[in-house]
Amino acid sequence: MTVLDFEIELAPDVWIDGTAAMTDLDYAYITLTDVTAGEAAVFARWLRDSFVPAPNLVRFGSSLAMANGEQDPWPLPVEGGEEEIATELRRHLDSVE
């Protein structure tokens, strides 16, 4: 499997690191490392609104959820801004703590 490691500046002096991988022709995933829910929300909104052709295709999970046995990804809200997305990301984390 081919992967791409990246670093993106979200705002002045705010950088995130991640890895993108395409496991088959119809499925790819992006892993962000060491980010807050707010930082992840900025990236997720950009991905949903600017890159992925059908917004309901963007789903997310967390290493915390996987460590607790949760394997099913959660859908990213199809509408709303970064605050709504961050709220959903926090709700996800709260559900697996």
PDB file of N, CA and C in Angstrom:
ATOM      1  N   MET A   1       0.841  -1.169   0.000  1.00  0.00           N
ATOM      2  CA  MET A   1       0.000   0.000   0.000  1.00  0.00           C
ATOM      3  C   MET A   1       0.891   1.239   0.000  1.00  0.00           C
ATOM      4  N   THR A   2       0.562   2.194  -0.833  1.00  0.00           N
ATOM      5  CA  THR A   2       1.295   3.446  -0.908  1.00  0.00           C
ATOM      6  C   THR A   2       0.643   4.461   0.023  1.00  0.00           C
ATOM      7  N   VAL A   3       1.460   5.167   0.773  1.00  0.00           N
ATOM      8  CA  VAL A   3       0.954   6.204   1.673  1.00  0.00           C
ATOM      9  C   VAL A   3       1.664   7.514   1.389  1.00  0.00           C
ATOM     10  N   LEU A   4       1.033   8.593   1.797  1.00  0.00           N
ATOM     11  CA  LEU A   4       1.602   9.929   1.667  1.00  0.00           C
ATOM     12  C   LEU A   4       1.574  10.571   3.045  1.00  0.00           C
ATOM     13  N   ASP A   5       2.731  10.922   3.559  1.00  0.00           N
ATOM     14  CA  ASP A   5       2.810  11.685   4.796  1.00  0.00           C
ATOM     15  C   ASP A   5       2.776  13.162   4.431  1.00  0.00           C
ATOM     16  N   PHE A   6       2.064  13.956   5.223  1.00  0.00           N
ATOM     17  CA  PHE A   6       1.942  15.373   4.903  1.00  0.00           C
ATOM     18  C   PHE A   6       1.950  16.226   6.160  1.00  0.00           C
ATOM     19  N   GLU A   7       2.199  17.507   5.938  1.00  0.00           N
ATOM     20  CA  GLU A   7       2.116  18.521   6.978  1.00  0.00           C
ATOM     21  C   GLU A   7       1.410  19.719   6.347  1.00  0.00           C
ATOM     22  N   ILE A   8       0.372  20.229   7.022  1.00  0.00           N
ATOM     23  CA  ILE A   8      -0.429  21.325   6.480  1.00  0.00           C
ATOM     24  C   ILE A   8      -0.509  22.437   7.520  1.00  0.00           C
ATOM     25  N   GLU A   9      -0.372  23.667   7.064  1.00  0.00           N
ATOM     26  CA  GLU A   9      -0.554  24.809   7.953  1.00  0.00           C
ATOM     27  C   GLU A   9      -2.023  25.218   7.916  1.00  0.00           C
ATOM     28  N   LEU A  10      -2.742  24.998   9.021  1.00  0.00           N
ATOM     29  CA  LEU A  10      -4.162  25.355   9.098  1.00  0.00           C
ATOM     30  C   LEU A  10      -4.372  26.851   9.251  1.00  0.00           C
ATOM     31  N   ALA A  11      -3.495  27.456   9.991  1.00  0.00           N
ATOM     32  CA  ALA A  11      -3.530  28.891  10.270  1.00  0.00           C
ATOM     33  C   ALA A  11      -2.080  29.288  10.565  1.00  0.00           C
ATOM     34  N   PRO A  12      -1.790  30.575  10.649  1.00  0.00           N
ATOM     35  CA  PRO A  12      -0.416  30.948  10.954  1.00  0.00           C
ATOM     36  C   PRO A  12       0.094  30.251  12.221  1.00  0.00           C
ATOM     37  N   ASP A  13       1.165  29.528  12.061  1.00  0.00           N
ATOM     38  CA  ASP A  13       1.820  28.796  13.153  1.00  0.00           C
ATOM     39  C   ASP A  13       0.987  27.657  13.736  1.00  0.00           C
ATOM     40  N   VAL A  14      -0.021  27.189  13.015  1.00  0.00           N
ATOM     41  CA  VAL A  14      -0.807  26.014  13.434  1.00  0.00           C
ATOM     42  C   VAL A  14      -0.657  24.963  12.341  1.00  0.00           C
ATOM     43  N   TRP A  15       0.121  23.926  12.638  1.00  0.00           N
ATOM     44  CA  TRP A  15       0.427  22.870  11.677  1.00  0.00           C
ATOM     45  C   TRP A  15      -0.144  21.548  12.153  1.00  0.00           C
ATOM     46  N   ILE A  16      -0.603  20.724  11.210  1.00  0.00           N
ATOM     47  CA  ILE A  16      -1.016  19.360  11.537  1.00  0.00           C
ATOM     48  C   ILE A  16      -0.236  18.394  10.658  1.00  0.00           C
ATOM     49  N   ASP A  17       0.006  17.216  11.202  1.00  0.00           N
ATOM     50  CA  ASP A  17       0.670  16.136  10.469  1.00  0.00           C
ATOM     51  C   ASP A  17      -0.343  15.036  10.221  1.00  0.00           C
ATOM     52  N   GLY A  18      -0.134  14.318   9.142  1.00  0.00           N
ATOM     53  CA  GLY A  18      -1.016  13.201   8.863  1.00  0.00           C
ATOM     54  C   GLY A  18      -0.449  12.264   7.825  1.00  0.00           C
ATOM     55  N   THR A  19      -1.233  11.221   7.575  1.00  0.00           N
ATOM     56  CA  THR A  19      -0.900  10.217   6.569  1.00  0.00           C
ATOM     57  C   THR A  19      -2.156   9.925   5.767  1.00  0.00           C
ATOM     58  N   ALA A  20      -2.020   9.844   4.466  1.00  0.00           N
ATOM     59  CA  ALA A  20      -3.123   9.470   3.585  1.00  0.00           C
ATOM     60  C   ALA A  20      -2.759   8.148   2.920  1.00  0.00           C
ATOM     61  N   ALA A  21      -3.732   7.250   2.842  1.00  0.00           N
ATOM     62  CA  ALA A  21      -3.498   5.946   2.223  1.00  0.00           C
ATOM     63  C   ALA A  21      -4.741   5.522   1.458  1.00  0.00           C
ATOM     64  N   MET A  22      -4.539   4.842   0.356  1.00  0.00           N
ATOM     65  CA  MET A  22      -5.646   4.299  -0.424  1.00  0.00           C
ATOM     66  C   MET A  22      -5.518   2.785  -0.379  1.00  0.00           C
ATOM     67  N   THR A  23      -6.426   2.154   0.373  1.00  0.00           N
ATOM     68  CA  THR A  23      -6.327   0.709   0.568  1.00  0.00           C
ATOM     69  C   THR A  23      -6.912  -0.088  -0.585  1.00  0.00           C
ATOM     70  N   ASP A  24      -7.846   0.492  -1.332  1.00  0.00           N
ATOM     71  CA  ASP A  24      -8.322  -0.101  -2.579  1.00  0.00           C
ATOM     72  C   ASP A  24      -8.899   1.010  -3.444  1.00  0.00           C
ATOM     73  N   LEU A  25      -9.381   0.690  -4.615  1.00  0.00           N
ATOM     74  CA  LEU A  25      -9.828   1.723  -5.549  1.00  0.00           C
ATOM     75  C   LEU A  25     -11.000   2.539  -5.038  1.00  0.00           C
ATOM     76  N   ASP A  26     -11.803   1.985  -4.139  1.00  0.00           N
ATOM     77  CA  ASP A  26     -12.989   2.674  -3.655  1.00  0.00           C
ATOM     78  C   ASP A  26     -12.881   3.146  -2.211  1.00  0.00           C
ATOM     79  N   TYR A  27     -11.714   3.043  -1.602  1.00  0.00           N
ATOM     80  CA  TYR A  27     -11.604   3.413  -0.199  1.00  0.00           C
ATOM     81  C   TYR A  27     -10.227   3.997   0.114  1.00  0.00           C
ATOM     82  N   ALA A  28     -10.230   5.125   0.764  1.00  0.00           N
ATOM     83  CA  ALA A  28      -8.995   5.753   1.220  1.00  0.00           C
ATOM     84  C   ALA A  28      -9.216   6.260   2.633  1.00  0.00           C
ATOM     85  N   TYR A  29      -8.135   6.425   3.361  1.00  0.00           N
ATOM     86  CA  TYR A  29      -8.267   7.016   4.686  1.00  0.00           C
ATOM     87  C   TYR A  29      -7.146   7.997   4.941  1.00  0.00           C
ATOM     88  N   ILE A  30      -7.432   8.930   5.844  1.00  0.00           N
ATOM     89  CA  ILE A  30      -6.466   9.934   6.251  1.00  0.00           C
ATOM     90  C   ILE A  30      -6.387   9.883   7.766  1.00  0.00           C
ATOM     91  N   THR A  31      -5.183   9.790   8.272  1.00  0.00           N
ATOM     92  CA  THR A  31      -4.955   9.781   9.711  1.00  0.00           C
ATOM     93  C   THR A  31      -4.268  11.081  10.096  1.00  0.00           C
ATOM     94  N   LEU A  32      -4.880  11.828  11.016  1.00  0.00           N
ATOM     95  CA  LEU A  32      -4.258  13.033  11.561  1.00  0.00           C
ATOM     96  C   LEU A  32      -3.643  12.667  12.899  1.00  0.00           C
ATOM     97  N   THR A  33      -2.473  13.218  13.181  1.00  0.00           N
ATOM     98  CA  THR A  33      -1.799  12.879  14.434  1.00  0.00           C
ATOM     99  C   THR A  33      -1.656  14.114  15.308  1.00  0.00           C
ATOM    100  N   ASP A  34      -1.857  13.899  16.606  1.00  0.00           N
ATOM    101  CA  ASP A  34      -1.669  14.952  17.607  1.00  0.00           C
ATOM    102  C   ASP A  34      -2.433  16.226  17.280  1.00  0.00           C
ATOM    103  N   VAL A  35      -3.748  16.096  17.060  1.00  0.00           N
ATOM    104  CA  VAL A  35      -4.586  17.259  16.785  1.00  0.00           C
ATOM    105  C   VAL A  35      -5.701  17.351  17.820  1.00  0.00           C
ATOM    106  N   THR A  36      -6.188  18.557  18.009  1.00  0.00           N
ATOM    107  CA  THR A  36      -7.365  18.760  18.838  1.00  0.00           C
ATOM    108  C   THR A  36      -8.611  18.534  17.987  1.00  0.00           C
ATOM    109  N   ALA A  37      -9.754  18.433  18.634  1.00  0.00           N
ATOM    110  CA  ALA A  37     -11.020  18.300  17.881  1.00  0.00           C
ATOM    111  C   ALA A  37     -11.226  19.527  16.992  1.00  0.00           C
ATOM    112  N   GLY A  38     -10.870  20.698  17.478  1.00  0.00           N
ATOM    113  CA  GLY A  38     -11.011  21.913  16.680  1.00  0.00           C
ATOM    114  C   GLY A  38     -10.124  21.915  15.451  1.00  0.00           C
ATOM    115  N   GLU A  39      -8.885  21.471  15.608  1.00  0.00           N
ATOM    116  CA  GLU A  39      -7.977  21.392  14.457  1.00  0.00           C
ATOM    117  C   GLU A  39      -8.452  20.340  13.461  1.00  0.00           C
ATOM    118  N   ALA A  40      -8.881  19.198  13.960  1.00  0.00           N
ATOM    119  CA  ALA A  40      -9.396  18.152  13.074  1.00  0.00           C
ATOM    120  C   ALA A  40     -10.631  18.639  12.338  1.00  0.00           C
ATOM    121  N   ALA A  41     -11.459  19.452  13.003  1.00  0.00           N
ATOM    122  CA  ALA A  41     -12.677  19.972  12.372  1.00  0.00           C
ATOM    123  C   ALA A  41     -12.360  20.883  11.195  1.00  0.00           C
ATOM    124  N   VAL A  42     -11.312  21.690  11.316  1.00  0.00           N
ATOM    125  CA  VAL A  42     -10.905  22.567  10.204  1.00  0.00           C
ATOM    126  C   VAL A  42     -10.537  21.708   8.998  1.00  0.00           C
ATOM    127  N   PHE A  43      -9.734  20.687   9.226  1.00  0.00           N
ATOM    128  CA  PHE A  43      -9.326  19.800   8.136  1.00  0.00           C
ATOM    129  C   PHE A  43     -10.521  19.048   7.563  1.00  0.00           C
ATOM    130  N   ALA A  44     -11.386  18.524   8.442  1.00  0.00           N
ATOM    131  CA  ALA A  44     -12.548  17.748   7.988  1.00  0.00           C
ATOM    132  C   ALA A  44     -13.510  18.598   7.164  1.00  0.00           C
ATOM    133  N   ARG A  45     -13.735  19.846   7.569  1.00  0.00           N
ATOM    134  CA  ARG A  45     -14.619  20.723   6.793  1.00  0.00           C
ATOM    135  C   ARG A  45     -14.033  20.983   5.423  1.00  0.00           C
ATOM    136  N   TRP A  46     -12.726  21.243   5.367  1.00  0.00           N
ATOM    137  CA  TRP A  46     -12.076  21.454   4.067  1.00  0.00           C
ATOM    138  C   TRP A  46     -12.227  20.215   3.189  1.00  0.00           C
ATOM    139  N   LEU A  47     -11.990  19.054   3.760  1.00  0.00           N
ATOM    140  CA  LEU A  47     -12.093  17.813   2.997  1.00  0.00           C
ATOM    141  C   LEU A  47     -13.514  17.618   2.487  1.00  0.00           C
ATOM    142  N   ARG A  48     -14.495  17.794   3.369  1.00  0.00           N
ATOM    143  CA  ARG A  48     -15.903  17.616   3.007  1.00  0.00           C
ATOM    144  C   ARG A  48     -16.349  18.624   1.961  1.00  0.00           C
ATOM    145  N   ASP A  49     -15.997  19.892   2.133  1.00  0.00           N
ATOM    146  CA  ASP A  49     -16.532  20.954   1.277  1.00  0.00           C
ATOM    147  C   ASP A  49     -15.732  21.193   0.010  1.00  0.00           C
ATOM    148  N   SER A  50     -14.466  20.839  -0.007  1.00  0.00           N
ATOM    149  CA  SER A  50     -13.619  21.198  -1.135  1.00  0.00           C
ATOM    150  C   SER A  50     -13.103  20.029  -1.948  1.00  0.00           C
ATOM    151  N   PHE A  51     -13.087  18.848  -1.385  1.00  0.00           N
ATOM    152  CA  PHE A  51     -12.412  17.766  -2.085  1.00  0.00           C
ATOM    153  C   PHE A  51     -13.291  16.562  -2.368  1.00  0.00           C
ATOM    154  N   VAL A  52     -14.035  16.101  -1.393  1.00  0.00           N
ATOM    155  CA  VAL A  52     -14.833  14.881  -1.562  1.00  0.00           C
ATOM    156  C   VAL A  52     -16.119  15.235  -2.298  1.00  0.00           C
ATOM    157  N   PRO A  53     -16.394  14.580  -3.427  1.00  0.00           N
ATOM    158  CA  PRO A  53     -17.545  14.969  -4.248  1.00  0.00           C
ATOM    159  C   PRO A  53     -18.905  14.757  -3.581  1.00  0.00           C
ATOM    160  N   ALA A  54     -19.023  13.800  -2.712  1.00  0.00           N
ATOM    161  CA  ALA A  54     -20.290  13.561  -2.009  1.00  0.00           C
ATOM    162  C   ALA A  54     -20.004  13.671  -0.507  1.00  0.00           C
ATOM    163  N   PRO A  55     -20.499  14.728   0.154  1.00  0.00           N
ATOM    164  CA  PRO A  55     -20.125  14.964   1.545  1.00  0.00           C
ATOM    165  C   PRO A  55     -20.464  13.815   2.490  1.00  0.00           C
ATOM    166  N   ASN A  56     -21.453  13.024   2.174  1.00  0.00           N
ATOM    167  CA  ASN A  56     -21.817  11.928   3.079  1.00  0.00           C
ATOM    168  C   ASN A  56     -20.820  10.773   3.015  1.00  0.00           C
ATOM    169  N   LEU A  57     -19.784  10.900   2.194  1.00  0.00           N
ATOM    170  CA  LEU A  57     -18.755   9.868   2.126  1.00  0.00           C
ATOM    171  C   LEU A  57     -17.670  10.059   3.176  1.00  0.00           C
ATOM    172  N   VAL A  58     -17.634  11.204   3.832  1.00  0.00           N
ATOM    173  CA  VAL A  58     -16.601  11.464   4.826  1.00  0.00           C
ATOM    174  C   VAL A  58     -17.069  10.905   6.167  1.00  0.00           C
ATOM    175  N   ARG A  59     -16.280   9.985   6.705  1.00  0.00           N
ATOM    176  CA  ARG A  59     -16.551   9.383   8.015  1.00  0.00           C
ATOM    177  C   ARG A  59     -15.305   9.502   8.857  1.00  0.00           C
ATOM    178  N   PHE A  60     -15.432   9.331  10.156  1.00  0.00           N
ATOM    179  CA  PHE A  60     -14.267   9.475  11.017  1.00  0.00           C
ATOM    180  C   PHE A  60     -14.313   8.477  12.156  1.00  0.00           C
ATOM    181  N   GLY A  61     -13.175   8.272  12.735  1.00  0.00           N
ATOM    182  CA  GLY A  61     -13.023   7.432  13.911  1.00  0.00           C
ATOM    183  C   GLY A  61     -11.874   7.988  14.728  1.00  0.00           C
ATOM    184  N   SER A  62     -11.546   7.314  15.805  1.00  0.00           N
ATOM    185  CA  SER A  62     -10.432   7.764  16.637  1.00  0.00           C
ATOM    186  C   SER A  62      -9.660   6.559  17.143  1.00  0.00           C
ATOM    187  N   SER A  63      -8.399   6.785  17.469  1.00  0.00           N
ATOM    188  CA  SER A  63      -7.608   5.692  18.031  1.00  0.00           C
ATOM    189  C   SER A  63      -8.191   5.259  19.367  1.00  0.00           C
ATOM    190  N   LEU A  64      -8.780   6.181  20.113  1.00  0.00           N
ATOM    191  CA  LEU A  64      -9.425   5.835  21.383  1.00  0.00           C
ATOM    192  C   LEU A  64     -10.587   4.870  21.153  1.00  0.00           C
ATOM    193  N   ALA A  65     -11.396   5.147  20.144  1.00  0.00           N
ATOM    194  CA  ALA A  65     -12.521   4.263  19.839  1.00  0.00           C
ATOM    195  C   ALA A  65     -12.022   2.889  19.402  1.00  0.00           C
ATOM    196  N   MET A  66     -11.015   2.854  18.554  1.00  0.00           N
ATOM    197  CA  MET A  66     -10.491   1.567  18.091  1.00  0.00           C
ATOM    198  C   MET A  66      -9.890   0.773  19.247  1.00  0.00           C
ATOM    199  N   ALA A  67      -9.206   1.464  20.158  1.00  0.00           N
ATOM    200  CA  ALA A  67      -8.628   0.785  21.319  1.00  0.00           C
ATOM    201  C   ALA A  67      -9.710   0.192  22.224  1.00  0.00           C
ATOM    202  N   ASN A  68     -10.906   0.789  22.185  1.00  0.00           N
ATOM    203  CA  ASN A  68     -12.035   0.288  22.975  1.00  0.00           C
ATOM    204  C   ASN A  68     -12.928  -0.664  22.185  1.00  0.00           C
ATOM    205  N   GLY A  69     -12.471  -1.107  21.006  1.00  0.00           N
ATOM    206  CA  GLY A  69     -13.204  -2.100  20.230  1.00  0.00           C
ATOM    207  C   GLY A  69     -14.207  -1.559  19.241  1.00  0.00           C
ATOM    208  N   GLU A  70     -14.344  -0.242  19.128  1.00  0.00           N
ATOM    209  CA  GLU A  70     -15.293   0.369  18.186  1.00  0.00           C
ATOM    210  C   GLU A  70     -14.661   0.375  16.803  1.00  0.00           C
ATOM    211  N   GLN A  71     -15.260  -0.322  15.866  1.00  0.00           N
ATOM    212  CA  GLN A  71     -14.703  -0.418  14.517  1.00  0.00           C
ATOM    213  C   GLN A  71     -15.488   0.377  13.479  1.00  0.00           C
ATOM    214  N   ASP A  72     -16.723   0.768  13.792  1.00  0.00           N
ATOM    215  CA  ASP A  72     -17.562   1.458  12.816  1.00  0.00           C
ATOM    216  C   ASP A  72     -17.280   2.959  12.831  1.00  0.00           C
ATOM    217  N   PRO A  73     -16.972   3.536  11.665  1.00  0.00           N
ATOM    218  CA  PRO A  73     -16.740   4.979  11.617  1.00  0.00           C
ATOM    219  C   PRO A  73     -18.045   5.755  11.775  1.00  0.00           C
ATOM    220  N   TRP A  74     -17.938   6.963  12.252  1.00  0.00           N
ATOM    221  CA  TRP A  74     -19.079   7.866  12.405  1.00  0.00           C
ATOM    222  C   TRP A  74     -19.167   8.767  11.181  1.00  0.00           C
ATOM    223  N   PRO A  75     -20.366   9.108  10.740  1.00  0.00           N
ATOM    224  CA  PRO A  75     -20.477  10.037   9.602  1.00  0.00           C
ATOM    225  C   PRO A  75     -20.160  11.460  10.038  1.00  0.00           C
ATOM    226  N   LEU A  76     -19.462  12.174   9.201  1.00  0.00           N
ATOM    227  CA  LEU A  76     -19.226  13.587   9.435  1.00  0.00           C
ATOM    228  C   LEU A  76     -20.521  14.330   9.118  1.00  0.00           C
ATOM    229  N   PRO A  77     -20.897  15.327   9.899  1.00  0.00           N
ATOM    230  CA  PRO A  77     -22.105  16.093   9.552  1.00  0.00           C
ATOM    231  C   PRO A  77     -22.013  16.611   8.118  1.00  0.00           C
ATOM    232  N   VAL A  78     -23.082  16.475   7.365  1.00  0.00           N
ATOM    233  CA  VAL A  78     -23.059  16.906   5.965  1.00  0.00           C
ATOM    234  C   VAL A  78     -23.228  18.412   5.826  1.00  0.00           C
ATOM    235  N   GLU A  79     -23.651  19.075   6.887  1.00  0.00           N
ATOM    236  CA  GLU A  79     -23.792  20.527   6.889  1.00  0.00           C
ATOM    237  C   GLU A  79     -23.151  21.075   8.157  1.00  0.00           C
ATOM    238  N   GLY A  80     -22.990  22.371   8.177  1.00  0.00           N
ATOM    239  CA  GLY A  80     -22.438  23.021   9.362  1.00  0.00           C
ATOM    240  C   GLY A  80     -20.970  23.322   9.193  1.00  0.00           C
ATOM    241  N   GLY A  81     -20.516  24.197  10.056  1.00  0.00           N
ATOM    242  CA  GLY A  81     -19.136  24.632   9.992  1.00  0.00           C
ATOM    243  C   GLY A  81     -18.244  23.883  10.959  1.00  0.00           C
ATOM    244  N   GLU A  82     -17.109  24.483  11.200  1.00  0.00           N
ATOM    245  CA  GLU A  82     -16.096  23.832  12.033  1.00  0.00           C
ATOM    246  C   GLU A  82     -16.568  23.595  13.456  1.00  0.00           C
ATOM    247  N   GLU A  83     -17.360  24.510  14.011  1.00  0.00           N
ATOM    248  CA  GLU A  83     -17.831  24.335  15.384  1.00  0.00           C
ATOM    249  C   GLU A  83     -18.770  23.131  15.496  1.00  0.00           C
ATOM    250  N   GLU A  84     -19.659  22.959  14.529  1.00  0.00           N
ATOM    251  CA  GLU A  84     -20.565  21.808  14.535  1.00  0.00           C
ATOM    252  C   GLU A  84     -19.795  20.500  14.356  1.00  0.00           C
ATOM    253  N   ILE A  85     -18.797  20.524  13.501  1.00  0.00           N
ATOM    254  CA  ILE A  85     -17.989  19.322  13.292  1.00  0.00           C
ATOM    255  C   ILE A  85     -17.189  19.006  14.556  1.00  0.00           C
ATOM    256  N   ALA A  86     -16.576  20.031  15.163  1.00  0.00           N
ATOM    257  CA  ALA A  86     -15.811  19.817  16.395  1.00  0.00           C
ATOM    258  C   ALA A  86     -16.711  19.261  17.495  1.00  0.00           C
ATOM    259  N   THR A  87     -17.940  19.747  17.579  1.00  0.00           N
ATOM    260  CA  THR A  87     -18.893  19.235  18.570  1.00  0.00           C
ATOM    261  C   THR A  87     -19.152  17.758  18.343  1.00  0.00           C
ATOM    262  N   GLU A  88     -19.320  17.354  17.090  1.00  0.00           N
ATOM    263  CA  GLU A  88     -19.557  15.938  16.779  1.00  0.00           C
ATOM    264  C   GLU A  88     -18.320  15.092  17.080  1.00  0.00           C
ATOM    265  N   LEU A  89     -17.145  15.613  16.795  1.00  0.00           N
ATOM    266  CA  LEU A  89     -15.909  14.892  17.118  1.00  0.00           C
ATOM    267  C   LEU A  89     -15.787  14.695  18.629  1.00  0.00           C
ATOM    268  N   ARG A  90     -16.106  15.736  19.399  1.00  0.00           N
ATOM    269  CA  ARG A  90     -16.049  15.614  20.866  1.00  0.00           C
ATOM    270  C   ARG A  90     -17.097  14.630  21.373  1.00  0.00           C
ATOM    271  N   ARG A  91     -18.283  14.652  20.767  1.00  0.00           N
ATOM    272  CA  ARG A  91     -19.346  13.706  21.152  1.00  0.00           C
ATOM    273  C   ARG A  91     -18.882  12.273  20.920  1.00  0.00           C
ATOM    274  N   HIS A  92     -18.209  12.052  19.812  1.00  0.00           N
ATOM    275  CA  HIS A  92     -17.651  10.739  19.506  1.00  0.00           C
ATOM    276  C   HIS A  92     -16.658  10.310  20.589  1.00  0.00           C
ATOM    277  N   LEU A  93     -15.733  11.215  20.932  1.00  0.00           N
ATOM    278  CA  LEU A  93     -14.739  10.878  21.961  1.00  0.00           C
ATOM    279  C   LEU A  93     -15.397  10.620  23.320  1.00  0.00           C
ATOM    280  N   ASP A  94     -16.394  11.426  23.659  1.00  0.00           N
ATOM    281  CA  ASP A  94     -17.109  11.223  24.929  1.00  0.00           C
ATOM    282  C   ASP A  94     -17.813   9.874  24.984  1.00  0.00           C
ATOM    283  N   SER A  95     -18.253   9.390  23.829  1.00  0.00           N
ATOM    284  CA  SER A  95     -19.002   8.123  23.798  1.00  0.00           C
ATOM    285  C   SER A  95     -18.118   6.908  24.027  1.00  0.00           C
ATOM    286  N   VAL A  96     -16.810   7.059  23.826  1.00  0.00           N
ATOM    287  CA  VAL A  96     -15.921   5.907  23.982  1.00  0.00           C
ATOM    288  C   VAL A  96     -15.016   6.008  25.189  1.00  0.00           C
ATOM    289  N   GLU A  97     -15.097   7.089  25.935  1.00  0.00           N
ATOM    290  CA  GLU A  97     -14.254   7.230  27.128  1.00  0.00           C
ATOM    291  C   GLU A  97     -14.793   6.401  28.264  1.00  0.00           C
TER     292      GLU A  97
END
